[in-house]
Amino acid sequence: MGKIKVTQVKSAIKRTQNQKRTLEALGLKKLNQVVEHDNTPNILGMVNKVKHLVSVEETK
């Protein structure tokens, strides 16, 4: 199973509560913070919800 690195590149200010909670669930609290997760359907769904706020790169 692969891993992905998720980086928050835009602020959560003036975003819906669902988007803010999704960022927190991913472990992102500040701009330019990077977290690493397993490449699972649950995580990919969460990333898809906030894809306009984050950047994703695949690692091995």
Protein backbone atom coordinates (compact mmCIF):
# COMPACT_ATOMS: atom_id res chain seq x y z
CA MET A 1 0.00 0.00 0.00
CA GLY A 2 1.40 3.38 -0.98
CA LYS A 3 1.60 6.56 0.99
CA ILE A 4 0.65 10.13 0.13
CA LYS A 5 1.95 13.44 1.45
CA VAL A 6 -0.75 16.06 1.97
CA THR A 7 0.26 19.72 2.30
CA GLN A 8 -2.12 22.52 3.23
CA VAL A 9 -1.54 25.34 0.75
CA LYS A 10 -4.56 27.58 1.39
CA SER A 11 -6.18 28.88 4.54
CA ALA A 12 -9.32 27.43 6.10
CA ILE A 13 -10.63 30.91 6.94
CA LYS A 14 -14.10 31.52 5.48
CA ARG A 15 -14.53 27.83 4.65
CA THR A 16 -17.46 25.67 5.67
CA GLN A 17 -17.36 23.83 8.98
CA ASN A 18 -17.21 20.49 7.13
CA GLN A 19 -14.07 21.54 5.27
CA LYS A 20 -12.42 22.78 8.47
CA ARG A 21 -13.20 19.50 10.22
CA THR A 22 -11.89 17.50 7.28
CA LEU A 23 -8.58 19.38 7.43
CA GLU A 24 -8.36 18.69 11.17
CA ALA A 25 -9.17 15.02 10.62
CA LEU A 26 -6.31 14.85 8.12
CA GLY A 27 -4.03 16.34 10.80
CA LEU A 28 -3.59 19.74 9.15
CA LYS A 29 -3.71 22.80 11.41
CA LYS A 30 -1.41 25.37 9.78
CA LEU A 31 -0.44 26.50 6.30
CA ASN A 32 2.42 24.57 4.68
CA GLN A 33 2.05 21.76 7.20
CA VAL A 34 2.76 18.33 5.71
CA VAL A 35 1.26 15.04 6.89
CA GLU A 36 1.73 11.55 5.52
CA HIS A 37 -1.14 9.05 5.23
CA ASP A 38 -1.73 5.63 3.75
CA ASN A 39 -3.30 5.67 0.31
CA THR A 40 -6.75 4.36 1.32
CA PRO A 41 -10.18 5.17 -0.13
CA ASN A 42 -11.17 6.94 3.11
CA ILE A 43 -8.19 9.28 3.04
CA LEU A 44 -8.56 9.91 -0.70
CA GLY A 45 -12.22 10.85 -0.17
CA MET A 46 -11.24 13.33 2.54
CA VAL A 47 -8.54 14.82 0.32
CA ASN A 48 -11.06 15.13 -2.51
CA LYS A 49 -13.38 17.18 -0.27
CA VAL A 50 -10.65 19.77 0.35
CA LYS A 51 -8.67 19.42 -2.88
CA HIS A 52 -8.79 23.19 -3.42
CA LEU A 53 -6.98 23.74 -0.09
CA VAL A 54 -4.29 21.07 -0.27
CA SER A 55 -1.67 19.62 -2.57
CA VAL A 56 -0.98 15.89 -2.74
CA GLU A 57 2.09 13.98 -3.81
CA GLU A 58 2.51 10.23 -3.89
CA THR A 59 5.43 8.59 -2.10
CA LYS A 60 6.58 5.01 -2.15
